[in-house]
C-alpha atoms as a PDB file:
ATOM      1  CA  MET A   1       3.246  -6.868 -30.886  1.00  0.00           C
ATOM      2  CA  GLU A   2       2.041  -3.635 -29.327  1.00  0.00           C
ATOM      3  CA  TYR A   3       1.586  -3.513 -25.540  1.00  0.00           C
ATOM      4  CA  GLU A   4      -2.236  -3.600 -25.691  1.00  0.00           C
ATOM      5  CA  ASP A   5      -2.088  -6.525 -28.171  1.00  0.00           C
ATOM      6  CA  LYS A   6       0.219  -8.444 -25.827  1.00  0.00           C
ATOM      7  CA  LYS A   7      -2.130  -7.964 -22.884  1.00  0.00           C
ATOM      8  CA  TYR A   8      -5.076  -9.167 -24.999  1.00  0.00           C
ATOM      9  CA  ILE A   9      -3.244 -12.235 -26.304  1.00  0.00           C
ATOM     10  CA  LEU A  10      -1.860 -13.180 -22.884  1.00  0.00           C
ATOM     11  CA  LYS A  11      -5.358 -13.013 -21.399  1.00  0.00           C
ATOM     12  CA  LYS A  12      -6.702 -15.301 -24.099  1.00  0.00           C
ATOM     13  CA  LEU A  13      -3.741 -17.659 -23.701  1.00  0.00           C
ATOM     14  CA  VAL A  14      -4.594 -18.187 -20.033  1.00  0.00           C
ATOM     15  CA  GLN A  15      -8.225 -18.836 -21.033  1.00  0.00           C
ATOM     16  CA  ASP A  16      -7.132 -21.231 -23.835  1.00  0.00           C
ATOM     17  CA  ALA A  17      -9.084 -19.119 -26.316  1.00  0.00           C
ATOM     18  CA  LEU A  18      -6.425 -18.102 -28.872  1.00  0.00           C
ATOM     19  CA  THR A  19      -7.176 -18.289 -32.587  1.00  0.00           C
ATOM     20  CA  GLU A  20      -4.654 -19.809 -35.010  1.00  0.00           C
ATOM     21  CA  GLU A  21      -3.566 -16.314 -36.094  1.00  0.00           C
ATOM     22  CA  GLU A  22      -3.024 -15.277 -32.465  1.00  0.00           C
ATOM     23  CA  HIS A  23      -1.041 -18.465 -31.795  1.00  0.00           C
ATOM     24  CA  THR A  24       1.158 -17.604 -34.752  1.00  0.00           C
ATOM     25  CA  ALA A  25       1.704 -14.038 -33.468  1.00  0.00           C
ATOM     26  CA  LEU A  26       2.666 -15.298 -30.020  1.00  0.00           C
ATOM     27  CA  ARG A  27       5.002 -17.987 -31.398  1.00  0.00           C
ATOM     28  CA  SER A  28       6.769 -15.406 -33.555  1.00  0.00           C
ATOM     29  CA  SER A  29       7.673 -13.249 -30.567  1.00  0.00           C
ATOM     30  CA  ARG A  30      11.327 -13.939 -29.790  1.00  0.00           C
ATOM     31  CA  ARG A  31      11.021 -11.874 -26.598  1.00  0.00           C
ATOM     32  CA  VAL A  32       8.435 -14.317 -25.232  1.00  0.00           C
ATOM     33  CA  THR A  33      10.578 -17.358 -26.071  1.00  0.00           C
ATOM     34  CA  LYS A  34      13.666 -15.791 -24.505  1.00  0.00           C
ATOM     35  CA  LYS A  35      11.747 -15.125 -21.291  1.00  0.00           C
ATOM     36  CA  MET A  36      10.647 -18.758 -21.073  1.00  0.00           C
ATOM     37  CA  GLU A  37      14.151 -19.992 -21.798  1.00  0.00           C
ATOM     38  CA  ARG A  38      15.497 -17.790 -19.017  1.00  0.00           C
ATOM     39  CA  GLN A  39      12.956 -19.261 -16.580  1.00  0.00           C
ATOM     40  CA  TRP A  40      14.085 -22.755 -17.622  1.00  0.00           C
ATOM     41  CA  ASP A  41      17.804 -22.007 -17.363  1.00  0.00           C
ATOM     42  CA  ASN A  42      17.471 -20.526 -13.884  1.00  0.00           C
ATOM     43  CA  ALA A  43      15.423 -23.400 -12.475  1.00  0.00           C
ATOM     44  CA  PRO A  44      17.276 -25.951 -10.259  1.00  0.00           C
ATOM     45  CA  ASP A  45      17.628 -29.605 -11.292  1.00  0.00           C
ATOM     46  CA  ALA A  46      15.036 -31.927  -9.731  1.00  0.00           C
ATOM     47  CA  VAL A  47      17.635 -34.574  -8.811  1.00  0.00           C
ATOM     48  CA  LYS A  48      21.202 -33.666  -7.906  1.00  0.00           C
ATOM     49  CA  ASN A  49      23.019 -36.694  -9.308  1.00  0.00           C
ATOM     50  CA  ASP A  50      20.909 -37.252 -12.390  1.00  0.00           C
ATOM     51  CA  CYS A  51      20.983 -35.431 -15.724  1.00  0.00           C
ATOM     52  CA  PRO A  52      17.601 -35.130 -17.463  1.00  0.00           C
ATOM     53  CA  ASP A  53      17.173 -34.715 -21.178  1.00  0.00           C
ATOM     54  CA  GLU A  54      16.740 -30.943 -20.915  1.00  0.00           C
ATOM     55  CA  SER A  55      16.295 -30.372 -24.646  1.00  0.00           C
ATOM     56  CA  SER A  56      13.497 -32.903 -24.819  1.00  0.00           C
ATOM     57  CA  ILE A  57      11.669 -31.470 -21.800  1.00  0.00           C
ATOM     58  CA  TRP A  58      12.042 -27.959 -23.169  1.00  0.00           C
ATOM     59  CA  ARG A  59      10.475 -29.048 -26.475  1.00  0.00           C
ATOM     60  CA  ASN A  60       7.580 -30.585 -24.569  1.00  0.00           C
ATOM     61  CA  ILE A  61       7.033 -27.374 -22.586  1.00  0.00           C
ATOM     62  CA  CYS A  62       6.954 -25.303 -25.764  1.00  0.00           C
ATOM     63  CA  GLU A  63       4.509 -27.726 -27.364  1.00  0.00           C
ATOM     64  CA  ALA A  64       2.246 -27.451 -24.295  1.00  0.00           C
ATOM     65  CA  VAL A  65       2.274 -23.669 -24.420  1.00  0.00           C
ATOM     66  CA  TRP A  66       1.739 -23.303 -28.155  1.00  0.00           C
ATOM     67  CA  SER A  67      -0.599 -26.284 -28.787  1.00  0.00           C
ATOM     68  CA  HIS A  68      -4.226 -25.431 -29.520  1.00  0.00           C
ATOM     69  CA  GLY A  69      -5.907 -28.818 -30.060  1.00  0.00           C
ATOM     70  CA  GLU A  70      -8.489 -30.164 -27.607  1.00  0.00           C
ATOM     71  CA  GLY A  71      -7.597 -33.150 -25.435  1.00  0.00           C
ATOM     72  CA  GLN A  72      -3.832 -32.923 -25.953  1.00  0.00           C
ATOM     73  CA  LYS A  73      -1.855 -34.149 -22.933  1.00  0.00           C
ATOM     74  CA  LEU A  74       1.785 -33.949 -22.040  1.00  0.00           C
ATOM     75  CA  MET A  75       3.334 -36.892 -20.160  1.00  0.00           C
ATOM     76  CA  PHE A  76       6.568 -36.666 -18.224  1.00  0.00           C
ATOM     77  CA  TYR A  77       8.502 -39.407 -16.478  1.00  0.00           C
ATOM     78  CA  LYS A  78       9.425 -39.781 -12.790  1.00  0.00           C
ATOM     79  CA  VAL A  79      10.066 -36.541 -10.894  1.00  0.00           C
ATOM     80  CA  TYR A  80      10.656 -34.525 -14.076  1.00  0.00           C
ATOM     81  CA  SER A  81       6.897 -34.367 -14.667  1.00  0.00           C
ATOM     82  CA  MET A  82       6.559 -32.099 -11.614  1.00  0.00           C
ATOM     83  CA  VAL A  83       9.515 -29.949 -12.719  1.00  0.00           C
ATOM     84  CA  ALA A  84       8.096 -29.433 -16.190  1.00  0.00           C
ATOM     85  CA  SER A  85       4.656 -28.535 -14.805  1.00  0.00           C
ATOM     86  CA  VAL A  86       6.180 -25.903 -12.561  1.00  0.00           C
ATOM     87  CA  LEU A  87       8.267 -24.551 -15.421  1.00  0.00           C
ATOM     88  CA  LEU A  88       5.185 -24.361 -17.622  1.00  0.00           C
ATOM     89  CA  LEU A  89       3.542 -22.099 -15.049  1.00  0.00           C
ATOM     90  CA  LEU A  90       6.739 -20.099 -14.701  1.00  0.00           C
ATOM     91  CA  GLY A  91       6.864 -19.671 -18.454  1.00  0.00           C
ATOM     92  CA  VAL A  92       3.337 -18.268 -18.700  1.00  0.00           C
ATOM     93  CA  ALA A  93       3.784 -16.108 -15.574  1.00  0.00           C
ATOM     94  CA  GLY A  94       7.128 -14.891 -16.875  1.00  0.00           C
ATOM     95  CA  THR A  95       5.537 -13.946 -20.178  1.00  0.00           C
ATOM     96  CA  ALA A  96       2.853 -11.879 -18.423  1.00  0.00           C
ATOM     97  CA  TYR A  97       5.463 -10.271 -16.190  1.00  0.00           C
ATOM     98  CA  PHE A  98       7.633  -9.439 -19.201  1.00  0.00           C
ATOM     99  CA  ALA A  99       4.745  -7.752 -20.969  1.00  0.00           C
ATOM    100  CA  LEU A 100       3.862  -5.680 -17.907  1.00  0.00           C
ATOM    101  CA  GLN A 101       7.432  -4.440 -17.573  1.00  0.00           C
ATOM    102  CA  ASP A 102       6.650  -1.952 -20.326  1.00  0.00           C
ATOM    103  CA  ARG A 103       5.133   0.121 -17.534  1.00  0.00           C
ATOM    104  CA  GLU A 104       7.753   2.270 -15.897  1.00  0.00           C
ATOM    105  CA  GLU A 105       7.979   1.852 -12.142  1.00  0.00           C
ATOM    106  CA  VAL A 106       7.443   5.061 -10.170  1.00  0.00           C
ATOM    107  CA  PRO A 107       9.694   5.595  -7.100  1.00  0.00           C
ATOM    108  CA  MET A 108       7.931   6.064  -3.759  1.00  0.00           C
ATOM    109  CA  TYR A 109       8.967   8.611  -1.127  1.00  0.00           C
ATOM    110  CA  VAL A 110       8.420   8.324   2.622  1.00  0.00           C
ATOM    111  CA  VAL A 111       8.597  11.425   4.855  1.00  0.00           C
ATOM    112  CA  SER A 112       8.450  11.163   8.652  1.00  0.00           C
ATOM    113  CA  SER A 113       8.180  13.793  11.365  1.00  0.00           C
ATOM    114  CA  GLY A 114       9.602  13.217  14.825  1.00  0.00           C
ATOM    115  CA  ILE A 115       8.459  14.063  18.337  1.00  0.00           C
ATOM    116  CA  ARG A 116       7.779  17.814  18.813  1.00  0.00           C
ATOM    117  CA  SER A 117       8.442  18.456  15.128  1.00  0.00           C
ATOM    118  CA  MET A 118       6.369  19.301  12.076  1.00  0.00           C
ATOM    119  CA  GLU A 119       7.340  18.791   8.462  1.00  0.00           C
ATOM    120  CA  SER A 120       6.218  20.644   5.322  1.00  0.00           C
ATOM    121  CA  VAL A 121       6.026  18.661   2.087  1.00  0.00           C
ATOM    122  CA  SER A 122       5.233  19.688  -1.492  1.00  0.00           C
ATOM    123  CA  LEU A 123       3.761  16.840  -3.540  1.00  0.00           C
ATOM    124  CA  PRO A 124       4.459  16.410  -7.291  1.00  0.00           C
ATOM    125  CA  ASP A 125       1.094  17.941  -8.245  1.00  0.00           C
ATOM    126  CA  GLY A 126       1.667  21.085  -6.177  1.00  0.00           C
ATOM    127  CA  THR A 127      -0.361  19.973  -3.154  1.00  0.00           C
ATOM    128  CA  LYS A 128       1.028  21.388   0.102  1.00  0.00           C
ATOM    129  CA  VAL A 129       1.129  19.138   3.169  1.00  0.00           C
ATOM    130  CA  GLN A 130       1.830  20.214   6.749  1.00  0.00           C
ATOM    131  CA  MET A 131       2.590  17.132   8.822  1.00  0.00           C
ATOM    132  CA  GLY A 132       1.994  16.933  12.559  1.00  0.00           C
ATOM    133  CA  PRO A 133       4.409  15.243  15.010  1.00  0.00           C
ATOM    134  CA  GLY A 134       5.065  11.512  14.810  1.00  0.00           C
ATOM    135  CA  SER A 135       3.533  11.205  11.333  1.00  0.00           C
ATOM    136  CA  ARG A 136       4.515   9.311   8.193  1.00  0.00           C
ATOM    137  CA  LEU A 137       3.535  10.241   4.619  1.00  0.00           C
ATOM    138  CA  THR A 138       4.070   7.953   1.600  1.00  0.00           C
ATOM    139  CA  TYR A 139       3.661   9.307  -1.946  1.00  0.00           C
ATOM    140  CA  PRO A 140       4.949   8.628  -5.500  1.00  0.00           C
ATOM    141  CA  ALA A 141       7.571  10.669  -7.312  1.00  0.00           C
ATOM    142  CA  ARG A 142       4.807  11.574  -9.769  1.00  0.00           C
ATOM    143  CA  PHE A 143       1.092  10.914 -10.162  1.00  0.00           C
ATOM    144  CA  SER A 144       0.836   8.944 -13.398  1.00  0.00           C
ATOM    145  CA  GLY A 145      -2.618   7.316 -13.191  1.00  0.00           C
ATOM    146  CA  LYS A 146      -6.164   8.602 -13.170  1.00  0.00           C
ATOM    147  CA  THR A 147      -5.972   9.481  -9.458  1.00  0.00           C
ATOM    148  CA  ARG A 148      -3.519  11.042  -7.031  1.00  0.00           C
ATOM    149  CA  GLU A 149      -3.196   8.577  -4.161  1.00  0.00           C
ATOM    150  CA  ILE A 150      -1.018   8.799  -1.053  1.00  0.00           C
ATOM    151  CA  THR A 151      -0.898   7.116   2.374  1.00  0.00           C
ATOM    152  CA  LEU A 152      -0.844   8.757   5.810  1.00  0.00           C
ATOM    153  CA  ASP A 153      -0.191   7.444   9.290  1.00  0.00           C
ATOM    154  CA  GLY A 154      -0.599  10.386  11.641  1.00  0.00           C
ATOM    155  CA  GLN A 155      -1.772  13.981  11.348  1.00  0.00           C
ATOM    156  CA  ALA A 156      -1.542  16.258   8.350  1.00  0.00           C
ATOM    157  CA  PHE A 157      -3.178  19.325   6.835  1.00  0.00           C
ATOM    158  CA  PHE A 158      -3.634  19.175   3.046  1.00  0.00           C
ATOM    159  CA  ASP A 159      -3.975  22.173   0.739  1.00  0.00           C
ATOM    160  CA  VAL A 160      -4.867  20.204  -2.378  1.00  0.00           C
ATOM    161  CA  ALA A 161      -3.923  21.446  -5.845  1.00  0.00           C
ATOM    162  CA  LYS A 162      -7.022  21.621  -8.083  1.00  0.00           C
ATOM    163  CA  ASN A 163      -7.328  18.996 -10.799  1.00  0.00           C
ATOM    164  CA  ARG A 164     -10.883  17.819 -11.434  1.00  0.00           C
ATOM    165  CA  GLU A 165      -9.651  15.132 -13.820  1.00  0.00           C
ATOM    166  CA  LYS A 166      -7.513  13.489 -11.102  1.00  0.00           C
ATOM    167  CA  PRO A 167      -9.161  13.112  -7.687  1.00  0.00           C
ATOM    168  CA  PHE A 168      -6.828  13.387  -4.701  1.00  0.00           C
ATOM    169  CA  ILE A 169      -7.159  10.426  -2.288  1.00  0.00           C
ATOM    170  CA  VAL A 170      -5.546   9.941   1.115  1.00  0.00           C
ATOM    171  CA  HIS A 171      -5.513   6.395   2.495  1.00  0.00           C
ATOM    172  CA  THR A 172      -5.142   5.603   6.185  1.00  0.00           C
ATOM    173  CA  GLU A 173      -5.381   2.300   8.058  1.00  0.00           C
ATOM    174  CA  ASP A 174      -9.151   2.007   7.620  1.00  0.00           C
ATOM    175  CA  VAL A 175     -10.374   5.196   5.912  1.00  0.00           C
ATOM    176  CA  SER A 176     -10.010   6.867   2.521  1.00  0.00           C
ATOM    177  CA  VAL A 177     -10.585  10.594   2.000  1.00  0.00           C
ATOM    178  CA  GLU A 178     -11.196  11.881  -1.538  1.00  0.00           C
ATOM    179  CA  ALA A 179     -10.902  15.553  -2.495  1.00  0.00           C
ATOM    180  CA  LEU A 180     -10.598  17.725  -5.603  1.00  0.00           C
ATOM    181  CA  GLY A 181      -9.445  21.257  -4.770  1.00  0.00           C
ATOM    182  CA  THR A 182      -9.760  21.259  -1.013  1.00  0.00           C
ATOM    183  CA  ALA A 183      -8.077  22.163   2.278  1.00  0.00           C
ATOM    184  CA  PHE A 184      -8.593  19.726   5.133  1.00  0.00           C
ATOM    185  CA  GLU A 185      -6.958  18.125   8.159  1.00  0.00           C
ATOM    186  CA  LEU A 186      -6.756  14.375   8.720  1.00  0.00           C
ATOM    187  CA  PHE A 187      -5.907  12.925  12.147  1.00  0.00           C
ATOM    188  CA  SER A 188      -5.445   9.150  11.869  1.00  0.00           C
ATOM    189  CA  TYR A 189      -2.619   7.518  13.801  1.00  0.00           C
ATOM    190  CA  ASP A 190      -2.626   3.729  13.527  1.00  0.00           C
ATOM    191  CA  MET A 191      -2.193   3.431  17.318  1.00  0.00           C
ATOM    192  CA  GLU A 192      -5.102   5.731  18.139  1.00  0.00           C
ATOM    193  CA  ASN A 193      -8.684   4.549  18.632  1.00  0.00           C
ATOM    194  CA  LYS A 194     -10.198   7.343  16.560  1.00  0.00           C
ATOM    195  CA  MET A 195      -9.933   9.084  13.227  1.00  0.00           C
ATOM    196  CA  GLU A 196     -10.887  12.705  12.528  1.00  0.00           C
ATOM    197  CA  ALA A 197     -11.250  14.694   9.319  1.00  0.00           C
ATOM    198  CA  ILE A 198     -11.889  18.455   9.464  1.00  0.00           C
ATOM    199  CA  LEU A 199     -12.746  20.419   6.310  1.00  0.00           C
ATOM    200  CA  LEU A 200     -11.647  24.028   5.891  1.00  0.00           C
ATOM    201  CA  ASN A 201     -12.953  24.597   2.371  1.00  0.00           C
ATOM    202  CA  GLY A 202     -14.111  22.651  -0.685  1.00  0.00           C
ATOM    203  CA  LYS A 203     -15.641  19.213  -0.209  1.00  0.00           C
ATOM    204  CA  ILE A 204     -14.354  15.785   0.782  1.00  0.00           C
ATOM    205  CA  LYS A 205     -15.796  12.280   0.649  1.00  0.00           C
ATOM    206  CA  VAL A 206     -14.829   9.945   3.494  1.00  0.00           C
ATOM    207  CA  SER A 207     -15.115   6.211   2.759  1.00  0.00           C
ATOM    208  CA  VAL A 208     -15.303   3.826   5.714  1.00  0.00           C
ATOM    209  CA  VAL A 209     -15.967   0.080   6.005  1.00  0.00           C
ATOM    210  CA  GLU A 210     -18.810  -0.335   8.499  1.00  0.00           C
ATOM    211  CA  LYS A 211     -18.101  -2.893  11.213  1.00  0.00           C
ATOM    212  CA  ALA A 212     -21.695  -4.128  11.398  1.00  0.00           C
ATOM    213  CA  THR A 213     -22.199  -4.839   7.679  1.00  0.00           C
ATOM    214  CA  ASN A 214     -18.565  -4.990   6.463  1.00  0.00           C
ATOM    215  CA  LYS A 215     -19.685  -2.769   3.572  1.00  0.00           C
ATOM    216  CA  MET A 216     -18.159   0.479   2.358  1.00  0.00           C
ATOM    217  CA  LYS A 217     -20.111   3.592   3.287  1.00  0.00           C
ATOM    218  CA  GLU A 218     -19.428   7.119   2.065  1.00  0.00           C
ATOM    219  CA  TYR A 219     -19.896  10.398   3.964  1.00  0.00           C
ATOM    220  CA  LEU A 220     -19.789  13.868   2.412  1.00  0.00           C
ATOM    221  CA  VAL A 221     -18.228  16.555   4.612  1.00  0.00           C
ATOM    222  CA  SER A 222     -18.897  20.284   4.168  1.00  0.00           C
ATOM    223  CA  PRO A 223     -16.711  23.241   5.240  1.00  0.00           C
ATOM    224  CA  ASP A 224     -16.447  23.753   9.025  1.00  0.00           C
ATOM    225  CA  GLU A 225     -17.530  20.196   9.662  1.00  0.00           C
ATOM    226  CA  LYS A 226     -15.652  17.468  11.497  1.00  0.00           C
ATOM    227  CA  ILE A 227     -16.292  13.778  10.961  1.00  0.00           C
ATOM    228  CA  GLN A 228     -15.010  11.340  13.566  1.00  0.00           C
ATOM    229  CA  MET A 229     -14.856   7.552  13.678  1.00  0.00           C
ATOM    230  CA  ASP A 230     -14.442   5.480  16.834  1.00  0.00           C
ATOM    231  CA  ARG A 231     -12.314   2.523  15.748  1.00  0.00           C
ATOM    232  CA  LEU A 232     -13.425   0.392  18.692  1.00  0.00           C
ATOM    233  CA  THR A 233     -17.164   0.693  18.083  1.00  0.00           C
ATOM    234  CA  GLY A 234     -17.213   1.798  14.444  1.00  0.00           C
ATOM    235  CA  LYS A 235     -19.482   4.726  15.365  1.00  0.00           C
ATOM    236  CA  ILE A 236     -19.399   7.712  12.985  1.00  0.00           C
ATOM    237  CA  THR A 237     -20.279  11.229  14.169  1.00  0.00           C
ATOM    238  CA  LYS A 238     -20.316  14.656  12.517  1.00  0.00           C
ATOM    239  CA  GLN A 239     -20.313  18.081  14.127  1.00  0.00           C
ATOM    240  CA  VAL A 240     -19.877  21.743  13.234  1.00  0.00           C
ATOM    241  CA  VAL A 241     -16.512  23.305  14.213  1.00  0.00           C
ATOM    242  CA  ASP A 242     -14.469  26.406  13.455  1.00  0.00           C
ATOM    243  CA  ALA A 243     -12.087  24.641  11.082  1.00  0.00           C
ATOM    244  CA  ASP A 244      -9.656  27.570  10.843  1.00  0.00           C
ATOM    245  CA  LYS A 245      -9.156  27.628  14.615  1.00  0.00           C
ATOM    246  CA  TYR A 246      -9.258  23.850  14.857  1.00  0.00           C
ATOM    247  CA  THR A 247      -6.363  23.574  12.406  1.00  0.00           C
ATOM    248  CA  ALA A 248      -4.462  26.648  13.634  1.00  0.00           C
ATOM    249  CA  TRP A 249      -1.389  24.521  14.386  1.00  0.00           C
ATOM    250  CA  ARG A 250      -0.665  24.383  10.645  1.00  0.00           C
ATOM    251  CA  LYS A 251       0.127  28.125  10.591  1.00  0.00           C
ATOM    252  CA  GLN A 252       1.675  28.590  14.015  1.00  0.00           C
ATOM    253  CA  LYS A 253       3.795  25.406  13.844  1.00  0.00           C
ATOM    254  CA  MET A 254       2.775  24.625  17.416  1.00  0.00           C
ATOM    255  CA  LEU A 255      -0.087  22.908  19.212  1.00  0.00           C
ATOM    256  CA  SER A 256      -2.983  25.281  19.745  1.00  0.00           C
ATOM    257  CA  PHE A 257      -6.272  24.531  21.514  1.00  0.00           C
ATOM    258  CA  GLU A 258      -9.214  26.875  21.952  1.00  0.00           C
ATOM    259  CA  ASN A 259     -12.047  25.665  24.182  1.00  0.00           C
ATOM    260  CA  GLU A 260     -11.383  22.076  23.116  1.00  0.00           C
ATOM    261  CA  LYS A 261     -12.396  18.924  24.945  1.00  0.00           C
ATOM    262  CA  LEU A 262      -9.685  17.051  26.769  1.00  0.00           C
ATOM    263  CA  SER A 263     -10.628  14.010  24.668  1.00  0.00           C
ATOM    264  CA  MET A 264      -9.427  15.918  21.594  1.00  0.00           C
ATOM    265  CA  ILE A 265      -6.370  17.403  23.328  1.00  0.00           C
ATOM    266  CA  ILE A 266      -4.902  14.246  24.888  1.00  0.00           C
ATOM    267  CA  PRO A 267      -4.201  12.298  21.638  1.00  0.00           C
ATOM    268  CA  ARG A 268      -2.364  15.326  20.225  1.00  0.00           C
ATOM    269  CA  LEU A 269      -0.318  15.778  23.396  1.00  0.00           C
ATOM    270  CA  GLU A 270       0.596  12.093  23.269  1.00  0.00           C
ATOM    271  CA  GLN A 271       1.933  12.411  19.711  1.00  0.00           C
ATOM    272  CA  TRP A 272       3.742  15.677  20.490  1.00  0.00           C
ATOM    273  CA  TYR A 273       5.562  14.329  23.544  1.00  0.00           C
ATOM    274  CA  GLY A 274       5.693  10.633  22.683  1.00  0.00           C
ATOM    275  CA  ARG A 275       4.084   9.732  26.047  1.00  0.00           C
ATOM    276  CA  LYS A 276       0.719   8.253  27.027  1.00  0.00           C
ATOM    277  CA  VAL A 277      -1.810  10.244  29.060  1.00  0.00           C
ATOM    278  CA  ILE A 278      -4.574   8.068  30.521  1.00  0.00           C
ATOM    279  CA  CYS A 279      -7.922   9.622  31.447  1.00  0.00           C
ATOM    280  CA  GLN A 280     -11.443   8.257  31.912  1.00  0.00           C
ATOM    281  CA  LYS A 281     -13.634   8.951  28.879  1.00  0.00           C
ATOM    282  CA  ASP A 282     -16.348  10.722  30.896  1.00  0.00           C
ATOM    283  CA  LEU A 283     -13.774  13.109  32.365  1.00  0.00           C
ATOM    284  CA  ALA A 284     -12.030  13.682  29.028  1.00  0.00           C
ATOM    285  CA  ASP A 285     -15.354  14.557  27.375  1.00  0.00           C
ATOM    286  CA  LYS A 286     -16.449  16.840  30.215  1.00  0.00           C
ATOM    287  CA  TYR A 287     -13.621  19.378  30.583  1.00  0.00           C
ATOM    288  CA  ARG A 288     -12.468  21.916  27.985  1.00  0.00           C
ATOM    289  CA  PHE A 289      -9.239  23.945  27.836  1.00  0.00           C
ATOM    290  CA  THR A 290      -7.596  26.756  25.900  1.00  0.00           C
ATOM    291  CA  PHE A 291      -3.802  26.893  25.663  1.00  0.00           C
ATOM    292  CA  LYS A 292      -0.820  26.655  23.318  1.00  0.00           C
ATOM    293  CA  VAL A 293       2.171  24.349  23.460  1.00  0.00           C
ATOM    294  CA  ARG A 294       5.536  25.738  22.458  1.00  0.00           C
ATOM    295  CA  ASP A 295       8.557  24.321  24.280  1.00  0.00           C
ATOM    296  CA  GLU A 296       6.915  23.509  27.613  1.00  0.00           C
ATOM    297  CA  SER A 297       7.390  20.061  29.141  1.00  0.00           C
ATOM    298  CA  LEU A 298       4.449  17.663  29.409  1.00  0.00           C
ATOM    299  CA  GLU A 299       4.707  17.933  33.194  1.00  0.00           C
ATOM    300  CA  ARG A 300       4.220  21.707  32.882  1.00  0.00           C
ATOM    301  CA  ILE A 301       1.169  21.316  30.617  1.00  0.00           C
ATOM    302  CA  LEU A 302      -0.448  18.842  33.003  1.00  0.00           C
ATOM    303  CA  PHE A 303       0.271  21.201  35.909  1.00  0.00           C
ATOM    304  CA  MET A 304      -1.631  23.955  34.017  1.00  0.00           C
ATOM    305  CA  ILE A 305      -4.566  21.580  33.526  1.00  0.00           C
ATOM    306  CA  LYS A 306      -4.477  20.750  37.221  1.00  0.00           C
ATOM    307  CA  ALA A 307      -4.422  24.449  38.192  1.00  0.00           C
ATOM    308  CA  SER A 308      -7.499  25.273  36.095  1.00  0.00           C
ATOM    309  CA  SER A 309      -9.691  22.207  36.730  1.00  0.00           C
ATOM    310  CA  PRO A 310     -10.582  19.617  39.374  1.00  0.00           C
ATOM    311  CA  LEU A 311      -8.176  17.174  37.699  1.00  0.00           C
ATOM    312  CA  GLN A 312      -4.813  16.003  38.951  1.00  0.00           C
ATOM    313  CA  HIS A 313      -2.027  14.014  37.322  1.00  0.00           C
ATOM    314  CA  GLU A 314       0.330  11.315  38.467  1.00  0.00           C
ATOM    315  CA  GLU A 315       3.423   9.969  36.712  1.00  0.00           C
ATOM    316  CA  MET A 316       3.628   6.201  36.485  1.00  0.00           C
ATOM    317  CA  GLU A 317       6.761   4.049  36.636  1.00  0.00           C
ATOM    318  CA  ASN A 318       7.003   3.778  32.849  1.00  0.00           C
ATOM    319  CA  GLY A 319       7.004   7.594  32.436  1.00  0.00           C
ATOM    320  CA  ASP A 320       3.372   7.855  31.282  1.00  0.00           C
ATOM    321  CA  TYR A 321       0.738   9.901  33.130  1.00  0.00           C
ATOM    322  CA  ILE A 322      -2.743   9.311  34.496  1.00  0.00           C
ATOM    323  CA  LEU A 323      -5.353  12.034  35.027  1.00  0.00           C
ATOM    324  CA  THR A 324      -7.959  11.651  37.775  1.00  0.00           C
ATOM    325  CA  LEU A 325     -10.263  13.811  39.871  1.00  0.00           C
ATOM    326  CA  LYS A 326      -8.637  15.529  42.844  1.00  0.00           C
END
């Protein structure tokens, strides 16, 4: 039987809808029978010190699988009735599994970037990915289906290879971003309370499950737009930004901020240094800063913020920092 024929027959077998000809085709498949026999041989005995009539039970299982008449019942004795029922399910499941093994498994790769480090990755389709610090990217050795799907935990800039026949989709914890030939940044650490997507060129579609309705909603993002989701409230906002400057870190291989809110800066500092920086939301949304981070310590960066604003920092016992008004 061809692969498509096997899938069709197996589906009808489960639905008890096989014709006599299809029963004959399935019975004639030695590969199916071997798979069921292997399931039987590997199953443990139901009772340790008792020897069941295995040949008889096996014949009954085969009759149950291949029989097509209405109202036929199979009776087993003592505990062996339960064993045979389980093996019947294993036989059918094993048959389906065997048929699906014709599909070749594709290896998956996982790339991680550490603290104060950025990684460059080339995907099988030619897409270029620049990963931010503390990020993890999972992708297949090749894109074999109708889409190109990968998973991200962290920050990455994607320069997507054009292929209109195979949409490029990035999955995060609670968001999916679909693109064709596009360049965009995605900031979505599992531990953070927000997700951001910034589009440099092309077009992306961001799919989010709304908290209020539990339904999927889609948002189209245009170049020089940023879409942001608050994971705590589920609120979605969009705003116009200079995407090239916003994503400048991808070219300079360092953190770079130009007149950015502290609320945007702090999460990126936390991932870069692997430390928490606590600040009230109203303060973080109020003050803006411009600076670059190369090899300076977090203490030095916070000192610069203190010197240019009415904010001050204090190190806590666990090594994290808190920002407050002076």
